[in-house]
C-alpha atoms as a PDB file:
ATOM      1  CA  MET A   1     -18.763  -9.969   6.584  1.00  0.00           C
ATOM      2  CA  LEU A   2     -20.240 -11.332   3.401  1.00  0.00           C
ATOM      3  CA  ARG A   3     -23.471  -9.525   4.281  1.00  0.00           C
ATOM      4  CA  TRP A   4     -21.576  -6.206   4.461  1.00  0.00           C
ATOM      5  CA  ALA A   5     -19.926  -6.876   1.087  1.00  0.00           C
ATOM      6  CA  ILE A   6     -23.322  -7.518  -0.505  1.00  0.00           C
ATOM      7  CA  LEU A   7     -24.716  -4.381   1.126  1.00  0.00           C
ATOM      8  CA  PHE A   8     -21.911  -2.205  -0.259  1.00  0.00           C
ATOM      9  CA  LEU A   9     -22.346  -3.799  -3.682  1.00  0.00           C
ATOM     10  CA  ILE A  10     -26.048  -2.890  -3.645  1.00  0.00           C
ATOM     11  CA  VAL A  11     -25.175   0.668  -2.561  1.00  0.00           C
ATOM     12  CA  ALA A  12     -22.671   0.876  -5.437  1.00  0.00           C
ATOM     13  CA  ILE A  13     -25.245  -0.307  -7.964  1.00  0.00           C
ATOM     14  CA  ILE A  14     -27.870   2.163  -6.738  1.00  0.00           C
ATOM     15  CA  ALA A  15     -25.332   5.018  -6.722  1.00  0.00           C
ATOM     16  CA  ALA A  16     -24.241   4.133 -10.259  1.00  0.00           C
ATOM     17  CA  VAL A  17     -27.843   4.114 -11.495  1.00  0.00           C
ATOM     18  CA  PHE A  18     -28.408   7.596 -10.088  1.00  0.00           C
ATOM     19  CA  GLY A  19     -25.123   8.901 -11.507  1.00  0.00           C
ATOM     20  CA  PHE A  20     -22.999   9.228  -8.392  1.00  0.00           C
ATOM     21  CA  GLY A  21     -19.771   7.899  -9.876  1.00  0.00           C
ATOM     22  CA  GLY A  22     -17.461   8.677  -6.974  1.00  0.00           C
ATOM     23  CA  ILE A  23     -19.698   7.087  -4.376  1.00  0.00           C
ATOM     24  CA  ALA A  24     -20.259   4.069  -6.621  1.00  0.00           C
ATOM     25  CA  ALA A  25     -16.521   3.578  -7.096  1.00  0.00           C
ATOM     26  CA  ALA A  26     -15.824   3.880  -3.376  1.00  0.00           C
ATOM     27  CA  ALA A  27     -18.607   1.462  -2.455  1.00  0.00           C
ATOM     28  CA  THR A  28     -17.369  -1.011  -5.072  1.00  0.00           C
ATOM     29  CA  ASP A  29     -13.845  -0.874  -3.663  1.00  0.00           C
ATOM     30  CA  ILE A  30     -15.124  -1.429  -0.134  1.00  0.00           C
ATOM     31  CA  ALA A  31     -17.295  -4.338  -1.277  1.00  0.00           C
ATOM     32  CA  ARG A  32     -14.356  -5.919  -3.102  1.00  0.00           C
ATOM     33  CA  LEU A  33     -12.094  -5.529  -0.060  1.00  0.00           C
ATOM     34  CA  LEU A  34     -14.670  -7.034   2.297  1.00  0.00           C
ATOM     35  CA  PHE A  35     -15.241  -9.948  -0.066  1.00  0.00           C
ATOM     36  CA  VAL A  36     -11.517 -10.708  -0.268  1.00  0.00           C
ATOM     37  CA  VAL A  37     -11.202 -10.551   3.526  1.00  0.00           C
ATOM     38  CA  PHE A  38     -14.205 -12.886   3.791  1.00  0.00           C
ATOM     39  CA  LEU A  39     -12.622 -15.375   1.377  1.00  0.00           C
ATOM     40  CA  VAL A  40      -9.294 -15.342   3.221  1.00  0.00           C
ATOM     41  CA  LEU A  41     -10.967 -15.903   6.593  1.00  0.00           C
ATOM     42  CA  PHE A  42     -13.160 -18.630   5.110  1.00  0.00           C
ATOM     43  CA  VAL A  43     -10.179 -20.529   3.700  1.00  0.00           C
ATOM     44  CA  ILE A  44      -8.292 -20.186   6.999  1.00  0.00           C
ATOM     45  CA  SER A  45     -11.261 -21.497   8.964  1.00  0.00           C
ATOM     46  CA  LEU A  46     -11.656 -24.424   6.550  1.00  0.00           C
ATOM     47  CA  PHE A  47      -7.987 -25.293   6.917  1.00  0.00           C
ATOM     48  CA  LEU A  48      -8.044 -25.075  10.712  1.00  0.00           C
ATOM     49  CA  GLY A  49     -11.248 -27.099  10.892  1.00  0.00           C
ATOM     50  CA  TRP A  50      -9.793 -29.747   8.613  1.00  0.00           C
ATOM     51  CA  ARG A  51      -6.662 -30.001  10.744  1.00  0.00           C
ATOM     52  CA  SER A  52      -8.582 -30.337  13.997  1.00  0.00           C
ATOM     53  CA  THR A  53     -10.812 -33.187  12.735  1.00  0.00           C
ATOM     54  CA  SER A  54      -8.127 -35.251  10.985  1.00  0.00           C
ATOM     55  CA  PRO A  55      -7.091 -38.452  12.767  1.00  0.00           C
ATOM     56  CA  ARG A  56      -3.754 -38.363  14.540  1.00  0.00           C
ATOM     57  CA  LEU A  57      -1.184 -40.971  13.552  1.00  0.00           C
END
């Protein structure tokens, strides 16, 4: 998912350089959304992994 966010960010930068403002804005929004989803899933997986490896008392 992080790979897709980086890809959309690159598309947004290229579109902005060539003057396609609408496409650049849309690609930036998609990249931002994918990055936030990636961060949320990453934190959830860290939490679940931490819980499964902690010693039981």
